[in-house]
């Protein structure tokens, strides 16, 4: 297969179009605000899984602190406080 083959040019054209589209989406969404405003209290995240059919599944809720410092404390190992 050589570079003059039409399939190569069509594939390259599709790749360029997809690349340009991906760059446009990333550029457009770059300045969208993500996350949540810090504050007091908690965010409640509902996590549900159902296998469908006759039963099975799992449902739980997670509480995530709005305060960034309190949130960060959740990532510190408990053994950090102990002197070993």
N, C-alpha and C. Protein backbone atom coordinates (compact mmCIF):
# COMPACT_ATOMS: atom_id res chain seq x y z
N UNK A 1 0.85 -1.17 0.00
CA UNK A 1 0.00 0.00 0.00
C UNK A 1 0.90 1.24 0.00
N UNK A 2 0.59 2.17 -0.83
CA UNK A 2 1.40 3.37 -0.95
C UNK A 2 0.59 4.59 -0.48
N UNK A 3 1.25 5.73 -0.39
CA UNK A 3 0.59 6.96 0.02
C UNK A 3 -0.42 7.45 -1.01
N UNK A 4 -0.30 6.99 -2.23
CA UNK A 4 -1.21 7.44 -3.28
C UNK A 4 -2.54 6.69 -3.25
N UNK A 5 -2.65 5.68 -2.42
CA UNK A 5 -3.87 4.88 -2.35
C UNK A 5 -5.01 5.72 -1.75
N UNK A 6 -6.21 5.68 -2.34
CA UNK A 6 -7.32 6.52 -1.87
C UNK A 6 -7.73 6.23 -0.41
N UNK A 7 -7.60 5.01 0.04
CA UNK A 7 -7.99 4.67 1.41
C UNK A 7 -7.10 5.41 2.41
N UNK A 8 -5.83 5.57 2.08
CA UNK A 8 -4.92 6.30 2.97
C UNK A 8 -5.36 7.75 3.08
N UNK A 9 -5.71 8.39 1.97
CA UNK A 9 -6.12 9.79 1.99
C UNK A 9 -7.46 9.97 2.70
N UNK A 10 -8.38 9.04 2.50
CA UNK A 10 -9.67 9.12 3.19
C UNK A 10 -9.48 8.94 4.69
N UNK A 11 -8.63 8.00 5.08
CA UNK A 11 -8.35 7.77 6.50
C UNK A 11 -7.71 9.00 7.13
N UNK A 12 -6.76 9.61 6.43
CA UNK A 12 -6.13 10.82 6.95
C UNK A 12 -7.12 11.97 7.07
N UNK A 13 -8.02 12.09 6.10
CA UNK A 13 -9.02 13.15 6.15
C UNK A 13 -9.96 12.95 7.35
N UNK A 14 -10.38 11.71 7.59
CA UNK A 14 -11.25 11.42 8.74
C UNK A 14 -10.50 11.72 10.03
N UNK A 15 -9.24 11.34 10.11
CA UNK A 15 -8.44 11.60 11.31
C UNK A 15 -8.32 13.10 11.57
N UNK A 16 -8.08 13.87 10.54
CA UNK A 16 -7.93 15.32 10.70
C UNK A 16 -9.25 15.94 11.17
N UNK A 17 -10.36 15.51 10.61
CA UNK A 17 -11.67 16.04 11.01
C UNK A 17 -11.94 15.70 12.48
N UNK A 18 -11.66 14.46 12.89
CA UNK A 18 -11.86 14.07 14.29
C UNK A 18 -10.95 14.84 15.23
N UNK A 19 -9.72 15.05 14.82
CA UNK A 19 -8.77 15.80 15.64
C UNK A 19 -9.23 17.25 15.81
N UNK A 20 -9.65 17.88 14.73
CA UNK A 20 -10.13 19.26 14.81
C UNK A 20 -11.39 19.37 15.68
N UNK A 21 -12.27 18.39 15.56
CA UNK A 21 -13.49 18.38 16.38
C UNK A 21 -13.15 18.22 17.86
N UNK A 22 -12.22 17.33 18.18
CA UNK A 22 -11.81 17.13 19.57
C UNK A 22 -11.18 18.39 20.14
N UNK A 23 -10.34 19.04 19.37
CA UNK A 23 -9.72 20.29 19.83
C UNK A 23 -10.76 21.38 20.06
N UNK A 24 -11.77 21.45 19.19
CA UNK A 24 -12.82 22.46 19.34
C UNK A 24 -13.62 22.20 20.61
N UNK A 25 -13.93 20.95 20.91
CA UNK A 25 -14.69 20.62 22.12
C UNK A 25 -13.88 20.95 23.36
N UNK A 26 -12.61 20.58 23.37
CA UNK A 26 -11.76 20.87 24.53
C UNK A 26 -11.64 22.36 24.73
N UNK A 27 -11.47 23.10 23.67
CA UNK A 27 -11.33 24.56 23.77
C UNK A 27 -12.61 25.21 24.29
N UNK A 28 -13.76 24.72 23.82
CA UNK A 28 -15.04 25.29 24.24
C UNK A 28 -15.33 24.99 25.71
N UNK A 29 -14.97 23.79 26.18
CA UNK A 29 -15.28 23.39 27.55
C UNK A 29 -14.20 23.78 28.55
N UNK A 30 -13.13 24.37 28.10
CA UNK A 30 -12.01 24.71 28.98
C UNK A 30 -12.44 25.64 30.10
N UNK A 31 -13.30 26.59 29.82
CA UNK A 31 -13.65 27.60 30.80
C UNK A 31 -14.95 27.30 31.54
N UNK A 32 -15.54 26.15 31.29
CA UNK A 32 -16.73 25.78 32.05
C UNK A 32 -16.33 25.53 33.50
N UNK A 33 -17.14 26.02 34.39
CA UNK A 33 -16.83 25.81 35.80
C UNK A 33 -17.16 24.37 36.17
N UNK A 34 -16.25 23.78 36.92
CA UNK A 34 -16.45 22.42 37.39
C UNK A 34 -16.34 22.43 38.89
N UNK A 35 -16.83 21.39 39.49
CA UNK A 35 -16.74 21.29 40.93
C UNK A 35 -17.87 22.06 41.60
N UNK A 36 -17.67 22.36 42.86
CA UNK A 36 -18.69 23.05 43.64
C UNK A 36 -18.03 24.13 44.46
N UNK A 37 -18.82 25.10 44.83
CA UNK A 37 -18.33 26.17 45.67
C UNK A 37 -18.03 25.64 47.07
N UNK A 38 -16.91 26.04 47.68
CA UNK A 38 -16.63 25.62 49.04
C UNK A 38 -17.63 26.25 50.00
N UNK A 39 -17.81 25.58 51.12
CA UNK A 39 -18.74 26.10 52.12
C UNK A 39 -18.83 25.15 53.29
N UNK A 40 -19.94 25.18 53.96
CA UNK A 40 -20.15 24.29 55.10
C UNK A 40 -21.13 23.21 54.70
N UNK A 41 -21.16 22.16 55.48
CA UNK A 41 -22.09 21.07 55.20
C UNK A 41 -21.47 20.04 54.28
N UNK A 42 -22.32 19.26 53.66
CA UNK A 42 -21.87 18.13 52.86
C UNK A 42 -22.64 18.07 51.54
N UNK A 43 -21.98 17.52 50.52
CA UNK A 43 -22.66 17.10 49.31
C UNK A 43 -23.07 15.66 49.54
N UNK A 44 -24.23 15.26 49.07
CA UNK A 44 -24.66 13.87 49.19
C UNK A 44 -24.65 13.27 47.78
N UNK A 45 -23.86 12.22 47.61
CA UNK A 45 -23.74 11.55 46.32
C UNK A 45 -24.44 10.20 46.42
N UNK A 46 -25.39 9.98 45.54
CA UNK A 46 -26.14 8.73 45.52
C UNK A 46 -25.51 7.80 44.50
N UNK A 47 -25.15 6.60 44.95
CA UNK A 47 -24.55 5.61 44.07
C UNK A 47 -25.44 4.37 44.06
N UNK A 48 -26.05 4.09 42.92
CA UNK A 48 -26.98 2.97 42.83
C UNK A 48 -26.57 2.05 41.69
N UNK A 49 -26.71 0.75 41.95
CA UNK A 49 -26.45 -0.25 40.91
C UNK A 49 -27.54 -1.30 41.00
N UNK A 50 -28.20 -1.57 39.90
CA UNK A 50 -29.19 -2.63 39.86
C UNK A 50 -28.86 -3.52 38.68
N UNK A 51 -28.82 -4.83 38.95
CA UNK A 51 -28.43 -5.76 37.89
C UNK A 51 -29.57 -6.06 36.94
N UNK A 52 -30.76 -5.60 37.25
CA UNK A 52 -31.89 -5.82 36.37
C UNK A 52 -32.51 -7.18 36.60
N UNK A 53 -33.59 -7.44 35.91
CA UNK A 53 -34.23 -8.73 36.05
C UNK A 53 -34.89 -8.91 37.41
N UNK A 54 -34.68 -10.09 37.98
CA UNK A 54 -35.37 -10.48 39.20
C UNK A 54 -34.79 -9.95 40.49
N UNK A 55 -33.74 -9.24 40.45
CA UNK A 55 -33.24 -8.71 41.71
C UNK A 55 -31.76 -8.42 41.66
N UNK A 56 -31.23 -8.15 42.81
CA UNK A 56 -29.82 -7.83 42.90
C UNK A 56 -29.60 -6.35 42.72
N UNK A 57 -28.53 -5.90 43.27
CA UNK A 57 -28.20 -4.49 43.14
C UNK A 57 -27.63 -3.96 44.43
N UNK A 58 -27.26 -2.72 44.40
CA UNK A 58 -26.64 -2.09 45.56
C UNK A 58 -26.94 -0.61 45.51
N UNK A 59 -27.26 -0.06 46.67
CA UNK A 59 -27.52 1.37 46.75
C UNK A 59 -26.83 1.92 47.98
N UNK A 60 -26.14 3.03 47.81
CA UNK A 60 -25.50 3.68 48.94
C UNK A 60 -25.38 5.17 48.68
N UNK A 61 -25.12 5.91 49.75
CA UNK A 61 -24.92 7.33 49.64
C UNK A 61 -23.60 7.70 50.30
N UNK A 62 -22.93 8.68 49.73
CA UNK A 62 -21.66 9.16 50.26
C UNK A 62 -21.84 10.62 50.63
N UNK A 63 -21.28 10.99 51.76
CA UNK A 63 -21.29 12.40 52.17
C UNK A 63 -19.88 12.95 51.97
N UNK A 64 -19.79 14.00 51.19
CA UNK A 64 -18.50 14.62 50.88
C UNK A 64 -18.52 16.04 51.44
N UNK A 65 -17.54 16.38 52.30
CA UNK A 65 -17.54 17.72 52.87
C UNK A 65 -17.34 18.81 51.82
N UNK A 66 -18.01 19.94 52.02
CA UNK A 66 -17.84 21.08 51.12
C UNK A 66 -16.57 21.86 51.43
N UNK A 67 -16.09 21.76 52.67
CA UNK A 67 -14.89 22.48 53.08
C UNK A 67 -13.66 21.78 52.50
N UNK A 68 -12.84 22.48 51.70
CA UNK A 68 -11.68 21.84 51.07
C UNK A 68 -10.69 21.26 52.08
N UNK A 69 -10.50 21.92 53.22
CA UNK A 69 -9.56 21.41 54.22
C UNK A 69 -10.07 20.12 54.85
N UNK A 70 -11.36 20.08 55.14
CA UNK A 70 -11.94 18.87 55.72
C UNK A 70 -11.91 17.74 54.70
N UNK A 71 -12.15 18.06 53.44
CA UNK A 71 -12.10 17.06 52.37
C UNK A 71 -10.69 16.48 52.26
N UNK A 72 -9.67 17.33 52.34
CA UNK A 72 -8.29 16.88 52.21
C UNK A 72 -7.88 15.97 53.37
N UNK A 73 -8.45 16.20 54.55
CA UNK A 73 -8.12 15.36 55.70
C UNK A 73 -8.51 13.91 55.48
N UNK A 74 -9.47 13.67 54.62
CA UNK A 74 -9.89 12.30 54.33
C UNK A 74 -8.84 11.50 53.60
N UNK A 75 -7.83 12.15 53.04
CA UNK A 75 -6.79 11.46 52.29
C UNK A 75 -5.52 11.21 53.11
N UNK A 76 -5.51 11.72 54.35
CA UNK A 76 -4.35 11.53 55.21
C UNK A 76 -4.51 10.20 55.93
N UNK A 77 -3.51 9.31 55.87
CA UNK A 77 -3.63 8.02 56.55
C UNK A 77 -3.79 8.21 58.06
N UNK A 78 -4.54 7.31 58.69
CA UNK A 78 -4.76 7.42 60.13
C UNK A 78 -3.48 7.22 60.91
N UNK A 79 -2.53 6.46 60.38
CA UNK A 79 -1.27 6.23 61.07
C UNK A 79 -0.41 7.49 61.09
N UNK A 80 -0.78 8.52 60.37
CA UNK A 80 -0.01 9.76 60.32
C UNK A 80 0.05 10.43 61.69
N UNK A 81 -1.02 10.31 62.48
CA UNK A 81 -1.07 10.96 63.79
C UNK A 81 -0.21 10.24 64.83
N UNK A 82 0.00 8.95 64.64
CA UNK A 82 0.76 8.17 65.63
C UNK A 82 2.24 8.33 65.43
N UNK A 83 2.98 8.35 66.52
CA UNK A 83 4.44 8.40 66.45
C UNK A 83 4.95 6.97 66.55
N UNK A 84 5.58 6.51 65.48
CA UNK A 84 6.09 5.13 65.49
C UNK A 84 7.59 5.12 65.30
